N, C-alpha and C. Protein backbone atom coordinates (compact mmCIF):
# COMPACT_ATOMS: atom_id res chain seq x y z
N MET A 1 0.83 -0.90 -0.21
CA MET A 1 -0.28 -0.25 -0.78
C MET A 1 0.67 0.99 -0.20
N ILE A 2 0.94 2.60 -1.10
CA ILE A 2 0.88 4.01 -0.41
C ILE A 2 0.97 4.20 0.34
N SER A 3 2.17 4.50 1.36
CA SER A 3 1.62 6.02 2.41
C SER A 3 0.72 6.76 2.57
N ALA A 4 0.53 7.22 3.39
CA ALA A 4 0.02 8.71 3.15
C ALA A 4 0.79 9.38 2.83
N ARG A 5 2.90 9.65 3.45
CA ARG A 5 2.91 10.51 2.83
C ARG A 5 3.69 10.76 0.83
N LYS A 6 3.93 9.35 0.60
CA LYS A 6 4.28 9.49 -0.98
C LYS A 6 2.83 10.28 -1.62
N LEU A 7 1.86 9.41 -0.85
CA LEU A 7 0.51 9.68 -1.22
C LEU A 7 0.34 11.42 -1.54
N VAL A 8 0.05 11.94 -0.73
CA VAL A 8 0.89 13.88 -0.82
C VAL A 8 2.09 13.85 -1.07
N ILE A 9 3.23 13.93 -1.67
CA ILE A 9 4.02 14.04 -2.25
C ILE A 9 3.81 13.73 -4.24
N THR A 10 3.17 12.97 -4.18
CA THR A 10 2.62 12.38 -5.57
C THR A 10 1.98 13.17 -5.93
N VAL A 11 1.14 14.16 -5.42
CA VAL A 11 -0.55 14.92 -6.01
C VAL A 11 0.82 16.06 -5.96
N ALA A 12 1.48 16.71 -5.34
CA ALA A 12 1.87 18.20 -5.29
C ALA A 12 2.36 18.21 -6.47
N ALA A 13 3.55 16.69 -6.35
CA ALA A 13 3.96 16.60 -7.75
C ALA A 13 2.77 17.02 -9.13
N LEU A 14 2.31 16.50 -8.90
CA LEU A 14 1.62 16.47 -11.06
C LEU A 14 0.22 17.97 -10.57
N ALA A 15 0.20 18.15 -9.32
CA ALA A 15 -0.15 20.33 -9.26
C ALA A 15 0.93 20.48 -9.30
N VAL A 16 1.89 20.39 -9.73
CA VAL A 16 2.94 21.32 -9.66
C VAL A 16 3.31 21.42 -11.29
N THR A 17 3.10 20.43 -11.01
CA THR A 17 3.25 20.01 -13.48
C THR A 17 2.09 20.70 -14.18
N ALA A 18 1.05 19.50 -13.70
CA ALA A 18 -0.19 20.77 -14.60
C ALA A 18 -0.33 22.11 -14.37
N GLY A 19 -0.36 22.75 -13.21
CA GLY A 19 0.33 24.67 -13.08
C GLY A 19 0.94 25.00 -13.66
N LEU A 20 2.86 24.45 -14.10
CA LEU A 20 3.30 24.59 -14.82
C LEU A 20 3.03 24.82 -16.73
N ALA A 21 2.40 23.53 -16.43
CA ALA A 21 2.16 23.54 -17.43
C ALA A 21 1.22 24.11 -18.77
N GLY A 22 -0.30 25.02 -17.64
CA GLY A 22 -0.94 25.44 -17.84
C GLY A 22 0.05 27.21 -18.11
N CYS A 23 0.66 27.46 -17.76
CA CYS A 23 1.32 28.56 -18.03
C CYS A 23 1.82 28.88 -18.62
N GLY A 24 3.06 28.10 -19.70
CA GLY A 24 3.61 27.56 -20.76
C GLY A 24 2.23 28.21 -21.90
N GLU A 25 3.06 29.33 -22.82
CA GLU A 25 2.18 29.86 -23.68
C GLU A 25 3.42 30.30 -24.94
N ARG A 26 2.53 28.91 -26.24
CA ARG A 26 4.02 28.96 -27.96
C ARG A 26 3.00 30.35 -28.34
N GLU A 27 5.06 31.41 -28.69
CA GLU A 27 4.20 32.21 -30.06
C GLU A 27 3.82 31.97 -30.61
N GLN A 28 2.47 33.16 -31.47
CA GLN A 28 1.97 32.76 -32.04
C GLN A 28 1.71 33.41 -33.09
N VAL A 29 2.46 33.17 -34.76
CA VAL A 29 2.72 34.60 -35.26
C VAL A 29 2.10 33.64 -36.74
N VAL A 30 1.59 35.00 -37.43
CA VAL A 30 0.75 35.06 -38.27
C VAL A 30 2.51 34.98 -39.89
N VAL A 31 2.14 34.24 -41.01
CA VAL A 31 3.75 34.72 -42.01
C VAL A 31 2.27 34.94 -42.73
N TYR A 32 2.46 35.86 -43.04
CA TYR A 32 1.56 36.76 -44.79
C TYR A 32 3.05 36.96 -45.63
N GLN A 33 2.42 36.41 -46.26
CA GLN A 33 2.88 36.69 -47.58
C GLN A 33 1.94 38.11 -48.33
N GLN A 34 2.84 38.86 -48.55
CA GLN A 34 2.93 40.40 -49.53
C GLN A 34 2.25 40.05 -50.98
N GLY A 35 0.56 40.48 -51.38
CA GLY A 35 -0.36 40.23 -52.54
C GLY A 35 -0.61 38.53 -52.52
N LYS A 36 -1.08 37.85 -51.70
CA LYS A 36 -1.85 37.21 -50.94
C LYS A 36 -2.58 36.80 -49.76
N TYR A 37 -3.82 36.59 -50.61
CA TYR A 37 -4.43 36.12 -49.98
C TYR A 37 -5.24 34.91 -48.63
N GLN A 38 -5.11 34.40 -47.25
CA GLN A 38 -4.60 33.05 -47.23
C GLN A 38 -6.31 32.81 -46.72
N GLY A 39 -7.01 33.14 -46.81
CA GLY A 39 -7.60 32.96 -46.40
C GLY A 39 -8.75 32.95 -47.15
N LYS A 40 -10.29 32.22 -46.45
CA LYS A 40 -11.23 31.35 -47.08
C LYS A 40 -11.75 31.99 -48.85
N PRO A 41 -12.10 32.00 -49.66
CA PRO A 41 -12.34 32.69 -51.17
C PRO A 41 -13.87 32.74 -51.08
N ASP A 42 -14.19 34.80 -51.30
CA ASP A 42 -15.23 34.44 -51.04
C ASP A 42 -16.06 34.41 -52.09
N THR A 43 -17.34 34.38 -52.34
CA THR A 43 -18.14 33.88 -53.23
C THR A 43 -19.58 34.93 -53.33
N LYS A 44 -19.45 34.92 -53.68
CA LYS A 44 -21.59 36.50 -53.64
C LYS A 44 -22.73 35.58 -53.62
N PRO A 45 -23.32 36.53 -52.42
CA PRO A 45 -24.39 35.71 -51.46
C PRO A 45 -25.41 35.28 -51.79
N TRP A 46 -25.56 35.23 -54.05
CA TRP A 46 -27.15 35.06 -54.91
C TRP A 46 -26.26 33.10 -55.09
N ASP A 47 -24.99 33.57 -55.10
CA ASP A 47 -24.17 32.01 -55.48
C ASP A 47 -24.75 31.18 -54.23
N ASN A 48 -24.51 31.49 -53.03
CA ASN A 48 -25.23 30.87 -52.47
C ASN A 48 -26.61 29.76 -52.29
N ASP A 49 -27.19 28.42 -52.75
CA ASP A 49 -28.16 28.60 -52.09
C ASP A 49 -29.27 28.66 -51.48
N PRO A 50 -29.82 29.26 -50.96
CA PRO A 50 -30.59 29.69 -49.65
C PRO A 50 -30.90 28.44 -48.68
N GLY A 51 -31.17 29.37 -47.75
CA GLY A 51 -31.20 28.19 -46.00
C GLY A 51 -32.13 28.33 -45.97
N ALA A 52 -32.90 26.90 -46.02
CA ALA A 52 -33.84 26.46 -45.41
C ALA A 52 -34.26 27.25 -43.36
N SER A 53 -35.55 27.14 -43.64
CA SER A 53 -36.17 28.72 -42.41
C SER A 53 -37.05 29.42 -42.44
N VAL A 54 -37.75 28.69 -41.33
CA VAL A 54 -39.03 29.03 -40.94
C VAL A 54 -39.53 29.98 -41.36
N TYR A 55 -38.13 31.48 -40.69
CA TYR A 55 -38.46 32.61 -40.92
C TYR A 55 -38.77 33.77 -42.17
N THR A 56 -38.33 32.74 -42.89
CA THR A 56 -38.02 33.64 -44.14
C THR A 56 -39.05 32.96 -45.28
N SER A 57 -40.30 33.77 -45.76
CA SER A 57 -40.62 33.03 -47.43
C SER A 57 -40.52 32.68 -48.52
N SER A 58 -39.77 34.55 -48.48
CA SER A 58 -39.07 34.15 -49.73
C SER A 58 -38.01 33.48 -50.39
N LYS A 59 -37.35 33.31 -50.97
CA LYS A 59 -37.28 32.04 -51.54
C LYS A 59 -36.20 32.61 -53.12
N TRP A 60 -34.79 32.26 -53.20
CA TRP A 60 -34.32 32.72 -54.32
C TRP A 60 -33.99 31.36 -55.13
N ALA A 61 -33.02 31.44 -56.46
CA ALA A 61 -32.74 29.66 -57.04
C ALA A 61 -30.60 30.67 -57.28
N LYS A 62 -30.14 29.73 -57.38
CA LYS A 62 -28.88 29.97 -56.17
C LYS A 62 -28.62 30.24 -57.96
N GLY A 63 -27.42 31.77 -57.63
CA GLY A 63 -26.99 32.15 -59.44
C GLY A 63 -28.24 33.21 -59.72
N ASP A 64 -28.86 32.85 -59.17
CA ASP A 64 -30.05 34.17 -59.61
C ASP A 64 -29.93 35.62 -58.63
N GLN A 65 -29.65 37.11 -58.71
CA GLN A 65 -28.80 37.64 -58.11
C GLN A 65 -30.53 38.41 -58.18
N GLY A 66 -31.33 38.53 -58.72
CA GLY A 66 -32.34 39.64 -58.76
C GLY A 66 -32.85 38.70 -58.11
N GLY A 67 -33.24 38.44 -57.70
CA GLY A 67 -34.58 36.57 -56.71
C GLY A 67 -33.33 37.06 -55.46
N TRP A 68 -32.07 37.25 -55.93
CA TRP A 68 -31.56 37.76 -54.21
C TRP A 68 -31.55 38.33 -53.77
N GLU A 69 -31.89 39.84 -54.22
CA GLU A 69 -31.99 41.59 -54.42
C GLU A 69 -33.57 41.18 -53.73
N THR A 70 -34.32 40.63 -54.51
CA THR A 70 -36.39 40.28 -54.36
C THR A 70 -35.93 40.15 -52.82
N ALA A 71 -35.63 39.07 -52.71
CA ALA A 71 -35.92 38.24 -51.69
C ALA A 71 -35.23 39.00 -50.04
N LEU A 72 -33.65 40.38 -50.54
CA LEU A 72 -33.32 40.45 -49.34
C LEU A 72 -34.50 41.55 -49.31
N LYS A 73 -34.88 42.03 -49.89
CA LYS A 73 -35.98 43.91 -49.41
C LYS A 73 -36.97 43.43 -49.25
N SER A 74 -37.68 41.60 -49.28
CA SER A 74 -38.66 41.68 -48.90
C SER A 74 -38.32 41.76 -46.83
N ARG A 75 -37.11 40.94 -46.51
CA ARG A 75 -37.27 40.84 -45.69
C ARG A 75 -36.86 42.10 -44.82
N THR A 76 -36.32 43.14 -46.05
CA THR A 76 -35.99 44.52 -44.99
C THR A 76 -36.99 44.81 -44.37
N GLN A 77 -38.40 45.37 -45.42
CA GLN A 77 -39.76 45.44 -45.47
C GLN A 77 -40.61 44.78 -44.43
N ASN A 78 -40.29 44.07 -44.64
CA ASN A 78 -41.04 42.78 -42.96
C ASN A 78 -40.44 43.81 -42.06
N GLN A 79 -39.16 43.64 -41.61
CA GLN A 79 -38.85 43.60 -40.95
C GLN A 79 -38.99 45.27 -40.44
N ASN A 80 -39.46 46.97 -41.15
CA ASN A 80 -39.40 48.03 -40.83
C ASN A 80 -41.03 47.98 -39.65
N GLU A 81 -40.23 48.60 -38.70
CA GLU A 81 -41.53 48.90 -38.08
C GLU A 81 -42.59 49.64 -38.44
N TYR A 82 -42.82 50.21 -39.33
CA TYR A 82 -43.70 51.98 -39.94
C TYR A 82 -44.06 50.63 -40.96
N VAL A 83 -43.68 49.63 -41.32
CA VAL A 83 -44.51 49.63 -42.98
C VAL A 83 -46.07 48.14 -41.87
N ARG A 84 -45.12 47.85 -40.36
CA ARG A 84 -45.91 47.06 -40.13
C ARG A 84 -46.72 47.90 -39.06
N ILE A 85 -46.17 49.07 -39.38
CA ILE A 85 -47.84 49.66 -37.73
C ILE A 85 -48.87 49.66 -38.94
N GLY A 86 -48.08 50.17 -40.13
CA GLY A 86 -48.99 50.42 -40.66
C GLY A 86 -50.01 50.11 -41.30
N ASP A 87 -49.71 48.20 -41.18
CA ASP A 87 -50.40 48.05 -42.01
C ASP A 87 -52.10 47.73 -40.72
N GLN A 88 -51.84 47.03 -40.25
CA GLN A 88 -52.70 47.44 -39.04
C GLN A 88 -53.90 48.39 -38.69
């Protein structure tokens, strides 16, 4: 059986080791290359599939810029308090 003193020393050593491991921080440096974007390439918003949501009633087809703009205007008008109050 392990004596109480050895157990206390082992637990204290593990606590010190864990505490010191948490204090270390690796250097975080980003290497930039001039003129190169290293992130995810952006796409036009209308080139994405419309998300399925119960909160939107307007749909557009993927790649349809006019339909996307119409859906955006419709959503904006549905959030306009002056328009919503006027309907009552």
